[in-house]
Amino acid sequence: MNKVNNYRQIICQFLQDFAEGDPEAQLIFDEKRDRYLVMHVAWRNEYRIYGCAMQLDLIDRQVWIQNNSTEIYVDRELIERGIAAKDIVLGFRSPSVRAKIASIMANNQ
């Protein structure tokens, strides 16, 4: 199996595991454009709950963490499931911050 298809499977399984048992979670998988989201849609009394809990994209053979509104360390979870650390991009960080992180990581190896 090629890397991208393997990453797709890992992402989908991770998000399915995350949403398991949560009736308010909606899984949105667009494999054509490689966009994968977990949305929450619900009502609590008169308060509407609507938002993206997590969004992962596959871009240029890398997994981009575009949004993480949880307390889960998504990058660590993905690494444990088989995605290479070098293939994870913190898309929710600005390009300058991502460059600093990459520099620090390169110096630590």
C-alpha atoms as a PDB file:
ATOM      1  CA  MET A   1       0.000   0.000   0.000  1.00  0.00           C
ATOM      2  CA  ASN A   2       1.385   3.428  -0.840  1.00  0.00           C
ATOM      3  CA  LYS A   3       2.043   6.059   1.803  1.00  0.00           C
ATOM      4  CA  VAL A   4      -0.907   8.336   0.955  1.00  0.00           C
ATOM      5  CA  ASN A   5      -3.451   5.504   1.043  1.00  0.00           C
ATOM      6  CA  ASN A   6      -1.959   4.291   4.328  1.00  0.00           C
ATOM      7  CA  TYR A   7      -2.191   7.807   5.788  1.00  0.00           C
ATOM      8  CA  ARG A   8      -5.817   8.069   4.617  1.00  0.00           C
ATOM      9  CA  GLN A   9      -6.680   4.874   6.457  1.00  0.00           C
ATOM     10  CA  ILE A  10      -4.876   5.991   9.614  1.00  0.00           C
ATOM     11  CA  ILE A  11      -6.623   9.391   9.579  1.00  0.00           C
ATOM     12  CA  CYS A  12     -10.076   7.889   9.030  1.00  0.00           C
ATOM     13  CA  GLN A  13      -9.628   5.263  11.739  1.00  0.00           C
ATOM     14  CA  PHE A  14      -8.256   7.848  14.190  1.00  0.00           C
ATOM     15  CA  LEU A  15     -11.228  10.167  13.631  1.00  0.00           C
ATOM     16  CA  GLN A  16     -13.694   7.280  13.839  1.00  0.00           C
ATOM     17  CA  ASP A  17     -12.152   6.215  17.135  1.00  0.00           C
ATOM     18  CA  PHE A  18     -12.312   9.811  18.387  1.00  0.00           C
ATOM     19  CA  ALA A  19     -16.005  10.148  17.487  1.00  0.00           C
ATOM     20  CA  GLU A  20     -17.050   6.713  18.740  1.00  0.00           C
ATOM     21  CA  GLY A  21     -19.783   6.912  21.311  1.00  0.00           C
ATOM     22  CA  ASP A  22     -20.442  10.611  20.684  1.00  0.00           C
ATOM     23  CA  PRO A  23     -23.894  10.979  19.095  1.00  0.00           C
ATOM     24  CA  GLU A  24     -23.241  14.677  18.422  1.00  0.00           C
ATOM     25  CA  ALA A  25     -20.112  14.009  16.358  1.00  0.00           C
ATOM     26  CA  GLN A  26     -20.379  14.110  12.594  1.00  0.00           C
ATOM     27  CA  LEU A  27     -17.606  12.592  10.522  1.00  0.00           C
ATOM     28  CA  ILE A  28     -16.996  14.320   7.208  1.00  0.00           C
ATOM     29  CA  PHE A  29     -14.557  12.534   4.903  1.00  0.00           C
ATOM     30  CA  ASP A  30     -13.820  13.975   1.455  1.00  0.00           C
ATOM     31  CA  GLU A  31     -11.334  11.498   0.042  1.00  0.00           C
ATOM     32  CA  LYS A  32     -11.328  13.185  -3.375  1.00  0.00           C
ATOM     33  CA  ARG A  33      -9.916  16.396  -1.867  1.00  0.00           C
ATOM     34  CA  ASP A  34      -8.331  14.680   1.175  1.00  0.00           C
ATOM     35  CA  ARG A  35     -10.233  16.668   3.804  1.00  0.00           C
ATOM     36  CA  TYR A  36     -11.265  14.915   7.023  1.00  0.00           C
ATOM     37  CA  LEU A  37     -13.303  16.585   9.782  1.00  0.00           C
ATOM     38  CA  VAL A  38     -15.190  15.911  12.971  1.00  0.00           C
ATOM     39  CA  MET A  39     -17.996  18.402  13.541  1.00  0.00           C
ATOM     40  CA  HIS A  40     -20.235  18.785  16.569  1.00  0.00           C
ATOM     41  CA  VAL A  41     -23.833  19.826  16.011  1.00  0.00           C
ATOM     42  CA  ALA A  42     -26.288  19.838  18.916  1.00  0.00           C
ATOM     43  CA  TRP A  43     -28.421  21.848  21.280  1.00  0.00           C
ATOM     44  CA  ARG A  44     -27.912  22.202  25.023  1.00  0.00           C
ATOM     45  CA  ASN A  45     -31.106  23.800  26.279  1.00  0.00           C
ATOM     46  CA  GLU A  46     -31.260  27.061  24.300  1.00  0.00           C
ATOM     47  CA  TYR A  47     -27.557  27.058  23.411  1.00  0.00           C
ATOM     48  CA  ARG A  48     -26.491  25.840  19.967  1.00  0.00           C
ATOM     49  CA  ILE A  49     -23.332  23.749  19.765  1.00  0.00           C
ATOM     50  CA  TYR A  50     -21.774  23.940  16.322  1.00  0.00           C
ATOM     51  CA  GLY A  51     -18.131  23.691  15.467  1.00  0.00           C
ATOM     52  CA  CYS A  52     -15.240  21.778  14.089  1.00  0.00           C
ATOM     53  CA  ALA A  53     -13.571  19.618  16.730  1.00  0.00           C
ATOM     54  CA  MET A  54     -10.802  18.458  14.437  1.00  0.00           C
ATOM     55  CA  GLN A  55      -9.720  18.830  10.811  1.00  0.00           C
ATOM     56  CA  LEU A  56      -6.938  16.877   9.138  1.00  0.00           C
ATOM     57  CA  ASP A  57      -5.938  17.312   5.498  1.00  0.00           C
ATOM     58  CA  LEU A  58      -3.569  15.387   3.266  1.00  0.00           C
ATOM     59  CA  ILE A  59      -1.518  17.877   1.280  1.00  0.00           C
ATOM     60  CA  ASP A  60       1.555  16.903  -0.774  1.00  0.00           C
ATOM     61  CA  ARG A  61       1.872  13.533   0.996  1.00  0.00           C
ATOM     62  CA  GLN A  62       1.833  15.167   4.436  1.00  0.00           C
ATOM     63  CA  VAL A  63      -0.838  15.242   7.137  1.00  0.00           C
ATOM     64  CA  TRP A  64      -1.820  18.800   7.994  1.00  0.00           C
ATOM     65  CA  ILE A  65      -3.483  19.353  11.359  1.00  0.00           C
ATOM     66  CA  GLN A  66      -5.687  22.292  10.369  1.00  0.00           C
ATOM     67  CA  ASN A  67      -7.757  22.467  13.543  1.00  0.00           C
ATOM     68  CA  ASN A  68      -7.745  20.798  16.929  1.00  0.00           C
ATOM     69  CA  SER A  69     -10.328  22.061  19.399  1.00  0.00           C
ATOM     70  CA  THR A  70      -9.710  19.156  21.760  1.00  0.00           C
ATOM     71  CA  GLU A  71      -7.256  18.380  24.516  1.00  0.00           C
ATOM     72  CA  ILE A  72      -5.797  15.509  22.502  1.00  0.00           C
ATOM     73  CA  TYR A  73      -2.231  15.729  21.186  1.00  0.00           C
ATOM     74  CA  VAL A  74      -3.224  14.765  17.664  1.00  0.00           C
ATOM     75  CA  ASP A  75       0.339  14.705  16.337  1.00  0.00           C
ATOM     76  CA  ARG A  76       1.402  12.202  19.010  1.00  0.00           C
ATOM     77  CA  GLU A  77      -1.633  10.016  18.343  1.00  0.00           C
ATOM     78  CA  LEU A  78      -0.918   9.974  14.605  1.00  0.00           C
ATOM     79  CA  ILE A  79       2.753   9.115  15.151  1.00  0.00           C
ATOM     80  CA  GLU A  80       1.749   6.200  17.400  1.00  0.00           C
ATOM     81  CA  ARG A  81      -0.541   4.966  14.625  1.00  0.00           C
ATOM     82  CA  GLY A  82       2.226   4.998  12.012  1.00  0.00           C
ATOM     83  CA  ILE A  83       2.455   8.460  10.455  1.00  0.00           C
ATOM     84  CA  ALA A  84       6.037   9.712  10.259  1.00  0.00           C
ATOM     85  CA  ALA A  85       6.705  12.764  12.445  1.00  0.00           C
ATOM     86  CA  LYS A  86       8.339  14.517   9.471  1.00  0.00           C
ATOM     87  CA  ASP A  87       5.063  14.142   7.563  1.00  0.00           C
ATOM     88  CA  ILE A  88       2.956  16.021  10.125  1.00  0.00           C
ATOM     89  CA  VAL A  89       2.425  19.749   9.639  1.00  0.00           C
ATOM     90  CA  LEU A  90       0.825  21.979  12.262  1.00  0.00           C
ATOM     91  CA  GLY A  91      -1.322  23.854   9.772  1.00  0.00           C
ATOM     92  CA  PHE A  92      -2.998  25.900  12.515  1.00  0.00           C
ATOM     93  CA  ARG A  93       0.362  27.583  13.222  1.00  0.00           C
ATOM     94  CA  SER A  94       1.648  30.459  11.114  1.00  0.00           C
ATOM     95  CA  PRO A  95       4.355  29.630   8.533  1.00  0.00           C
ATOM     96  CA  SER A  96       6.967  31.499  10.580  1.00  0.00           C
ATOM     97  CA  VAL A  97       6.165  29.493  13.719  1.00  0.00           C
ATOM     98  CA  ARG A  98       6.220  26.235  11.726  1.00  0.00           C
ATOM     99  CA  ALA A  99       9.685  27.180  10.393  1.00  0.00           C
ATOM    100  CA  LYS A 100      10.958  27.811  13.941  1.00  0.00           C
ATOM    101  CA  ILE A 101       9.580  24.477  15.125  1.00  0.00           C
ATOM    102  CA  ALA A 102      11.207  22.684  12.173  1.00  0.00           C
ATOM    103  CA  SER A 103      14.521  24.351  12.949  1.00  0.00           C
ATOM    104  CA  ILE A 104      14.352  23.315  16.591  1.00  0.00           C
ATOM    105  CA  MET A 105      13.440  19.759  15.660  1.00  0.00           C
ATOM    106  CA  ALA A 106      16.299  19.549  13.151  1.00  0.00           C
ATOM    107  CA  ASN A 107      18.802  20.764  15.754  1.00  0.00           C
ATOM    108  CA  ASN A 108      17.570  18.189  18.274  1.00  0.00           C
ATOM    109  CA  GLN A 109      18.249  15.243  15.969  1.00  0.00           C
END
